[in-house]
N, C-alpha and C. Protein backbone atom coordinates (compact mmCIF):
# COMPACT_ATOMS: atom_id res chain seq x y z
N MET A 1 81.93 157.59 7.37
CA MET A 1 80.58 157.61 7.89
C MET A 1 80.34 158.95 8.57
N LYS A 2 79.17 159.50 8.29
CA LYS A 2 78.87 160.82 8.80
C LYS A 2 77.64 160.88 9.68
N LYS A 3 76.60 160.12 9.32
CA LYS A 3 75.32 160.26 10.01
C LYS A 3 74.86 158.91 10.56
N ILE A 4 74.53 158.91 11.86
CA ILE A 4 74.10 157.69 12.55
C ILE A 4 72.77 157.95 13.23
N MET A 5 71.87 156.98 13.11
CA MET A 5 70.60 157.03 13.83
C MET A 5 70.68 156.07 15.01
N ILE A 6 70.31 156.57 16.17
CA ILE A 6 70.21 155.72 17.35
C ILE A 6 68.81 155.15 17.38
N ILE A 7 68.71 153.83 17.55
CA ILE A 7 67.41 153.19 17.68
C ILE A 7 67.42 152.29 18.91
N CYS A 8 66.30 152.30 19.61
CA CYS A 8 66.20 151.49 20.83
C CYS A 8 64.78 151.56 21.37
N SER A 9 64.53 150.70 22.32
CA SER A 9 63.28 150.73 23.07
C SER A 9 63.21 152.04 23.85
N SER A 10 62.01 152.58 23.98
CA SER A 10 61.86 153.80 24.79
C SER A 10 62.27 153.56 26.24
N ASN A 11 62.33 152.30 26.66
CA ASN A 11 62.79 151.98 28.01
C ASN A 11 64.25 152.38 28.22
N PHE A 12 64.98 152.58 27.14
CA PHE A 12 66.41 152.89 27.23
C PHE A 12 66.72 154.35 26.91
N TYR A 13 65.70 155.18 26.77
CA TYR A 13 65.94 156.58 26.43
C TYR A 13 66.82 157.28 27.47
N ASP A 14 66.76 156.84 28.71
CA ASP A 14 67.59 157.46 29.75
C ASP A 14 69.07 157.15 29.56
N ARG A 15 69.40 156.17 28.74
CA ARG A 15 70.80 155.80 28.47
C ARG A 15 71.39 156.60 27.30
N ILE A 16 70.54 157.26 26.54
CA ILE A 16 70.99 157.95 25.33
C ILE A 16 71.94 159.12 25.63
N PRO A 17 71.67 160.00 26.60
CA PRO A 17 72.50 161.19 26.75
C PRO A 17 74.00 160.94 26.84
N SER A 18 74.43 159.96 27.61
CA SER A 18 75.88 159.73 27.75
C SER A 18 76.48 159.22 26.44
N ILE A 19 75.74 158.42 25.71
CA ILE A 19 76.22 157.91 24.41
C ILE A 19 76.21 159.04 23.39
N LYS A 20 75.18 159.84 23.42
CA LYS A 20 75.07 160.99 22.51
C LYS A 20 76.24 161.95 22.72
N ASP A 21 76.59 162.20 23.98
CA ASP A 21 77.70 163.11 24.28
C ASP A 21 79.00 162.66 23.62
N ILE A 22 79.23 161.37 23.58
CA ILE A 22 80.45 160.82 22.99
C ILE A 22 80.39 160.89 21.46
N LEU A 23 79.28 160.44 20.89
CA LEU A 23 79.19 160.30 19.43
C LEU A 23 79.01 161.62 18.69
N GLU A 24 78.35 162.59 19.30
CA GLU A 24 78.07 163.82 18.57
C GLU A 24 79.32 164.63 18.29
N LYS A 25 80.44 164.26 18.91
CA LYS A 25 81.72 164.91 18.61
C LYS A 25 82.27 164.46 17.26
N LYS A 26 81.82 163.30 16.78
CA LYS A 26 82.34 162.73 15.53
C LYS A 26 81.30 162.63 14.42
N TYR A 27 80.02 162.51 14.80
CA TYR A 27 78.98 162.19 13.82
C TYR A 27 77.77 163.09 13.98
N ASP A 28 77.01 163.21 12.90
CA ASP A 28 75.68 163.80 12.98
C ASP A 28 74.77 162.69 13.50
N LEU A 29 74.03 162.97 14.53
CA LEU A 29 73.17 161.95 15.13
C LEU A 29 71.70 162.26 14.88
N ILE A 30 70.97 161.20 14.62
CA ILE A 30 69.52 161.26 14.50
C ILE A 30 68.97 160.46 15.68
N MET A 31 68.08 161.08 16.41
CA MET A 31 67.53 160.43 17.61
C MET A 31 66.30 159.60 17.26
N PRO A 32 65.98 158.65 18.13
CA PRO A 32 64.78 157.83 17.90
C PRO A 32 63.51 158.66 17.97
N ASN A 33 62.49 158.20 17.27
CA ASN A 33 61.19 158.86 17.36
C ASN A 33 60.74 158.89 18.81
N GLY A 34 60.25 160.02 19.24
CA GLY A 34 59.73 160.15 20.60
C GLY A 34 60.76 160.52 21.64
N TYR A 35 62.04 160.45 21.30
CA TYR A 35 63.07 160.80 22.27
C TYR A 35 62.96 162.29 22.60
N GLY A 36 62.96 162.59 23.87
CA GLY A 36 62.80 163.97 24.32
C GLY A 36 61.34 164.38 24.46
N GLU A 37 60.45 163.47 24.15
CA GLU A 37 59.02 163.75 24.25
C GLU A 37 58.34 162.83 25.24
N GLU A 38 59.10 162.31 26.17
CA GLU A 38 58.56 161.33 27.11
C GLU A 38 57.40 161.89 27.94
N GLU A 39 57.33 163.20 28.07
CA GLU A 39 56.22 163.79 28.82
C GLU A 39 54.89 163.57 28.12
N ASN A 40 54.91 163.18 26.86
CA ASN A 40 53.68 162.92 26.10
C ASN A 40 53.16 161.49 26.28
N ASP A 41 53.86 160.66 27.04
CA ASP A 41 53.46 159.26 27.20
C ASP A 41 52.02 159.11 27.67
N GLU A 42 51.59 159.95 28.60
CA GLU A 42 50.22 159.85 29.09
C GLU A 42 49.22 160.20 27.99
N GLU A 43 49.59 161.16 27.16
CA GLU A 43 48.73 161.54 26.04
C GLU A 43 48.53 160.35 25.10
N TYR A 44 49.58 159.60 24.85
CA TYR A 44 49.48 158.43 23.96
C TYR A 44 48.57 157.36 24.56
N SER A 45 48.63 157.21 25.87
CA SER A 45 47.81 156.18 26.50
C SER A 45 46.32 156.53 26.49
N ASN A 46 46.00 157.78 26.25
CA ASN A 46 44.60 158.21 26.21
C ASN A 46 44.02 158.24 24.79
N MET A 47 44.78 157.78 23.80
CA MET A 47 44.31 157.79 22.42
C MET A 47 43.27 156.69 22.20
N THR A 48 42.38 156.96 21.26
CA THR A 48 41.46 155.90 20.82
C THR A 48 42.27 154.89 20.01
N ASP A 49 41.69 153.74 19.74
CA ASP A 49 42.38 152.74 18.92
C ASP A 49 42.74 153.31 17.55
N GLU A 50 41.83 154.03 16.95
CA GLU A 50 42.08 154.60 15.62
C GLU A 50 43.21 155.62 15.67
N GLU A 51 43.22 156.47 16.70
CA GLU A 51 44.28 157.46 16.84
C GLU A 51 45.63 156.78 17.08
N TYR A 52 45.62 155.73 17.88
CA TYR A 52 46.86 155.01 18.18
C TYR A 52 47.41 154.32 16.94
N MET A 53 46.56 153.70 16.15
CA MET A 53 47.01 153.06 14.90
C MET A 53 47.58 154.09 13.93
N ALA A 54 46.94 155.24 13.83
CA ALA A 54 47.44 156.30 12.96
C ALA A 54 48.78 156.84 13.48
N PHE A 55 48.88 156.97 14.79
CA PHE A 55 50.13 157.42 15.41
C PHE A 55 51.27 156.44 15.10
N PHE A 56 51.02 155.14 15.28
CA PHE A 56 52.06 154.13 15.03
C PHE A 56 52.45 154.11 13.56
N LYS A 57 51.48 154.24 12.69
CA LYS A 57 51.77 154.27 11.25
C LYS A 57 52.70 155.44 10.94
N GLU A 58 52.40 156.58 11.51
CA GLU A 58 53.25 157.77 11.28
C GLU A 58 54.65 157.55 11.84
N MET A 59 54.76 156.92 13.01
CA MET A 59 56.07 156.66 13.60
C MET A 59 56.91 155.74 12.70
N PHE A 60 56.28 154.71 12.14
CA PHE A 60 57.01 153.81 11.25
C PHE A 60 57.46 154.52 9.98
N HIS A 61 56.62 155.39 9.44
CA HIS A 61 57.01 156.16 8.26
C HIS A 61 58.14 157.13 8.59
N MET A 62 58.07 157.75 9.75
CA MET A 62 59.15 158.65 10.17
C MET A 62 60.47 157.89 10.29
N SER A 63 60.43 156.71 10.88
CA SER A 63 61.64 155.91 11.01
C SER A 63 62.21 155.56 9.65
N ARG A 64 61.35 155.11 8.76
CA ARG A 64 61.80 154.75 7.41
C ARG A 64 62.50 155.92 6.74
N ASN A 65 61.91 157.10 6.84
CA ASN A 65 62.50 158.28 6.21
C ASN A 65 63.82 158.68 6.86
N LYS A 66 63.91 158.55 8.17
CA LYS A 66 65.16 158.87 8.85
C LYS A 66 66.25 157.89 8.44
N ILE A 67 65.92 156.63 8.38
CA ILE A 67 66.91 155.59 8.06
C ILE A 67 67.43 155.76 6.64
N LYS A 68 66.59 156.21 5.73
CA LYS A 68 67.04 156.44 4.35
C LYS A 68 68.21 157.42 4.29
N ASP A 69 68.24 158.36 5.24
CA ASP A 69 69.21 159.46 5.20
C ASP A 69 70.45 159.24 6.05
N VAL A 70 70.61 158.06 6.63
CA VAL A 70 71.78 157.84 7.49
C VAL A 70 72.73 156.82 6.85
N ASP A 71 73.94 156.80 7.39
CA ASP A 71 74.94 155.83 6.95
C ASP A 71 74.87 154.55 7.76
N ALA A 72 74.40 154.68 9.01
CA ALA A 72 74.39 153.52 9.91
C ALA A 72 73.36 153.73 11.01
N CYS A 73 73.03 152.63 11.68
CA CYS A 73 72.15 152.67 12.85
C CYS A 73 72.88 152.03 14.03
N LEU A 74 72.77 152.66 15.16
CA LEU A 74 73.30 152.13 16.41
C LEU A 74 72.12 151.68 17.25
N VAL A 75 72.06 150.38 17.52
CA VAL A 75 70.99 149.81 18.31
C VAL A 75 71.46 149.71 19.76
N LEU A 76 70.75 150.38 20.64
CA LEU A 76 71.05 150.29 22.07
C LEU A 76 70.22 149.15 22.62
N ASN A 77 70.89 148.07 22.95
CA ASN A 77 70.22 146.85 23.42
C ASN A 77 70.76 146.47 24.79
N PHE A 78 70.06 146.92 25.80
CA PHE A 78 70.43 146.65 27.19
C PHE A 78 69.50 145.59 27.76
N ASP A 79 69.83 145.13 28.95
CA ASP A 79 68.95 144.18 29.63
C ASP A 79 67.68 144.92 30.06
N LYS A 80 66.56 144.24 29.91
CA LYS A 80 65.27 144.80 30.31
C LYS A 80 64.62 143.84 31.30
N ASN A 81 64.18 144.40 32.40
CA ASN A 81 63.49 143.59 33.41
C ASN A 81 62.01 143.94 33.35
N LYS A 82 61.20 142.89 33.19
CA LYS A 82 59.75 143.10 33.11
C LYS A 82 59.06 141.96 33.82
N ARG A 83 58.26 142.31 34.80
CA ARG A 83 57.47 141.34 35.56
C ARG A 83 58.32 140.17 36.06
N GLY A 84 59.48 140.49 36.60
CA GLY A 84 60.33 139.47 37.20
C GLY A 84 61.17 138.67 36.22
N THR A 85 61.10 139.02 34.94
CA THR A 85 61.90 138.32 33.93
C THR A 85 62.92 139.29 33.35
N THR A 86 64.15 138.82 33.17
CA THR A 86 65.18 139.63 32.54
C THR A 86 65.32 139.21 31.09
N TYR A 87 65.25 140.19 30.21
CA TYR A 87 65.47 139.97 28.78
C TYR A 87 66.85 140.55 28.47
N TYR A 88 67.79 139.67 28.17
CA TYR A 88 69.17 140.09 27.98
C TYR A 88 69.36 140.71 26.60
N ASN A 89 70.01 141.89 26.61
CA ASN A 89 70.31 142.61 25.37
C ASN A 89 69.04 142.79 24.52
N TYR A 90 68.02 143.28 25.16
CA TYR A 90 66.66 143.37 24.63
C TYR A 90 66.57 144.18 23.34
N ILE A 91 65.90 143.60 22.36
CA ILE A 91 65.51 144.29 21.13
C ILE A 91 64.02 144.00 20.94
N GLY A 92 63.22 145.04 21.04
CA GLY A 92 61.78 144.88 20.91
C GLY A 92 61.32 144.92 19.46
N ALA A 93 60.04 144.80 19.27
CA ALA A 93 59.45 144.69 17.94
C ALA A 93 59.71 145.93 17.08
N SER A 94 59.49 147.11 17.63
CA SER A 94 59.70 148.33 16.84
C SER A 94 61.17 148.51 16.47
N THR A 95 62.05 148.22 17.42
CA THR A 95 63.49 148.31 17.14
C THR A 95 63.87 147.30 16.07
N PHE A 96 63.33 146.09 16.16
CA PHE A 96 63.59 145.08 15.14
C PHE A 96 63.16 145.57 13.76
N LEU A 97 61.98 146.19 13.69
CA LEU A 97 61.51 146.68 12.39
C LEU A 97 62.42 147.78 11.85
N GLU A 98 62.93 148.63 12.73
CA GLU A 98 63.87 149.66 12.29
C GLU A 98 65.18 149.02 11.82
N MET A 99 65.62 147.98 12.51
CA MET A 99 66.81 147.26 12.05
C MET A 99 66.58 146.66 10.67
N TYR A 100 65.39 146.12 10.46
CA TYR A 100 65.05 145.55 9.16
C TYR A 100 65.11 146.62 8.07
N GLU A 101 64.56 147.80 8.36
CA GLU A 101 64.62 148.91 7.40
C GLU A 101 66.07 149.24 7.06
N ALA A 102 66.91 149.30 8.09
CA ALA A 102 68.33 149.60 7.87
C ALA A 102 68.98 148.51 7.02
N PHE A 103 68.70 147.27 7.35
CA PHE A 103 69.26 146.15 6.60
C PHE A 103 68.84 146.21 5.13
N MET A 104 67.56 146.44 4.90
CA MET A 104 67.06 146.50 3.52
C MET A 104 67.61 147.70 2.76
N GLY A 105 68.02 148.73 3.49
CA GLY A 105 68.63 149.91 2.87
C GLY A 105 70.14 149.83 2.80
N ASP A 106 70.69 148.64 3.08
CA ASP A 106 72.14 148.43 3.05
C ASP A 106 72.90 149.37 3.98
N LYS A 107 72.30 149.66 5.13
CA LYS A 107 72.95 150.50 6.13
C LYS A 107 73.72 149.61 7.09
N LYS A 108 74.80 150.11 7.59
CA LYS A 108 75.57 149.37 8.58
C LYS A 108 74.78 149.38 9.89
N ILE A 109 74.77 148.26 10.58
CA ILE A 109 74.03 148.14 11.84
C ILE A 109 75.02 147.78 12.94
N TYR A 110 75.01 148.58 13.99
CA TYR A 110 75.85 148.34 15.17
C TYR A 110 74.95 147.98 16.35
N LEU A 111 75.34 146.97 17.09
CA LEU A 111 74.67 146.64 18.35
C LEU A 111 75.58 147.06 19.49
N TYR A 112 75.03 147.84 20.40
CA TYR A 112 75.83 148.31 21.54
C TYR A 112 76.32 147.12 22.37
N ASN A 113 75.45 146.17 22.60
CA ASN A 113 75.80 144.94 23.33
C ASN A 113 75.65 143.74 22.40
N ASP A 114 75.96 142.57 22.91
CA ASP A 114 75.89 141.35 22.13
C ASP A 114 74.47 141.07 21.66
N LEU A 115 74.33 140.09 20.79
CA LEU A 115 73.01 139.67 20.33
C LEU A 115 72.13 139.28 21.52
N PRO A 116 70.82 139.40 21.37
CA PRO A 116 69.93 138.93 22.43
C PRO A 116 70.14 137.43 22.67
N ASP A 117 69.60 136.97 23.74
CA ASP A 117 69.67 135.55 24.10
C ASP A 117 69.22 134.68 22.93
N LYS A 118 69.87 133.53 22.76
CA LYS A 118 69.52 132.62 21.67
C LYS A 118 68.08 132.14 21.74
N ASN A 119 67.45 132.24 22.88
CA ASN A 119 66.05 131.85 23.01
C ASN A 119 65.10 132.93 22.50
N ASN A 120 65.63 134.11 22.18
CA ASN A 120 64.80 135.18 21.62
C ASN A 120 64.28 134.71 20.26
N MET A 121 62.98 134.86 20.05
CA MET A 121 62.38 134.34 18.82
C MET A 121 62.91 135.02 17.56
N LEU A 122 63.55 136.17 17.68
CA LEU A 122 64.10 136.87 16.51
C LEU A 122 65.62 136.75 16.42
N TYR A 123 66.20 135.90 17.23
CA TYR A 123 67.66 135.75 17.29
C TYR A 123 68.26 135.53 15.90
N ASP A 124 67.74 134.56 15.16
CA ASP A 124 68.32 134.24 13.84
C ASP A 124 68.19 135.40 12.87
N GLU A 125 67.05 136.09 12.89
CA GLU A 125 66.85 137.21 11.99
C GLU A 125 67.80 138.36 12.33
N ILE A 126 67.93 138.65 13.62
CA ILE A 126 68.84 139.72 14.04
C ILE A 126 70.28 139.36 13.66
N ARG A 127 70.65 138.14 13.90
CA ARG A 127 71.99 137.66 13.53
C ARG A 127 72.19 137.76 12.02
N GLY A 128 71.14 137.48 11.26
CA GLY A 128 71.20 137.56 9.81
C GLY A 128 71.42 138.96 9.27
N PHE A 129 71.12 139.97 10.07
CA PHE A 129 71.39 141.35 9.65
C PHE A 129 72.89 141.64 9.66
N ASN A 130 73.68 140.71 10.21
CA ASN A 130 75.13 140.83 10.30
C ASN A 130 75.56 142.12 11.01
N PRO A 131 75.03 142.35 12.20
CA PRO A 131 75.40 143.58 12.91
C PRO A 131 76.83 143.49 13.45
N VAL A 132 77.43 144.66 13.60
CA VAL A 132 78.73 144.76 14.24
C VAL A 132 78.47 144.88 15.74
N ILE A 133 79.05 143.97 16.52
CA ILE A 133 78.86 143.97 17.97
C ILE A 133 79.92 144.85 18.59
N LEU A 134 79.49 145.89 19.30
CA LEU A 134 80.44 146.84 19.90
C LEU A 134 80.86 146.45 21.31
N ASN A 135 80.04 145.67 22.00
CA ASN A 135 80.29 145.37 23.41
C ASN A 135 80.62 146.63 24.20
N GLY A 136 79.85 147.69 23.92
CA GLY A 136 79.99 148.94 24.66
C GLY A 136 81.10 149.85 24.19
N ASP A 137 81.91 149.44 23.22
CA ASP A 137 83.07 150.22 22.76
C ASP A 137 82.68 151.05 21.53
N LEU A 138 82.30 152.29 21.76
CA LEU A 138 81.86 153.17 20.66
C LEU A 138 82.97 153.51 19.69
N ASP A 139 84.22 153.30 20.07
CA ASP A 139 85.34 153.55 19.17
C ASP A 139 85.39 152.55 18.01
N LYS A 140 84.64 151.46 18.13
CA LYS A 140 84.59 150.45 17.06
C LYS A 140 83.71 150.90 15.89
N ILE A 141 82.99 152.00 16.07
CA ILE A 141 82.16 152.52 14.97
C ILE A 141 83.08 153.13 13.93
N LYS A 142 82.99 152.62 12.73
CA LYS A 142 83.86 153.10 11.63
C LYS A 142 83.01 153.43 10.43
């Protein structure tokens, strides 16, 4: 394996640097869309509905093209706290769609942490992708 794409919620972008430092010694890494561009978040919030839909469409196409060129995807799924609720090993909608692209492209999928909670509405689908659970051990990537 040579090339890995990191995919995750933008809420976890602050976790990427330490993981990137470890993996880039062994692999070519592709970063998630928008990583390193967090200063543009306010610009995105000021888009019209039409601009936002076009932006999202472009992001999905970019992800698809990136995933075509990698050997595997590493999903960073950490706990997310939102409005007093903790979502364990969170995988959001966009990350799920990227996982689906990887699955359909026969790419290996690694989860940094265990599967999301069984109450997650996408639990069965995520489990069906047959991801390799790393439990934080990046040495398990093969």
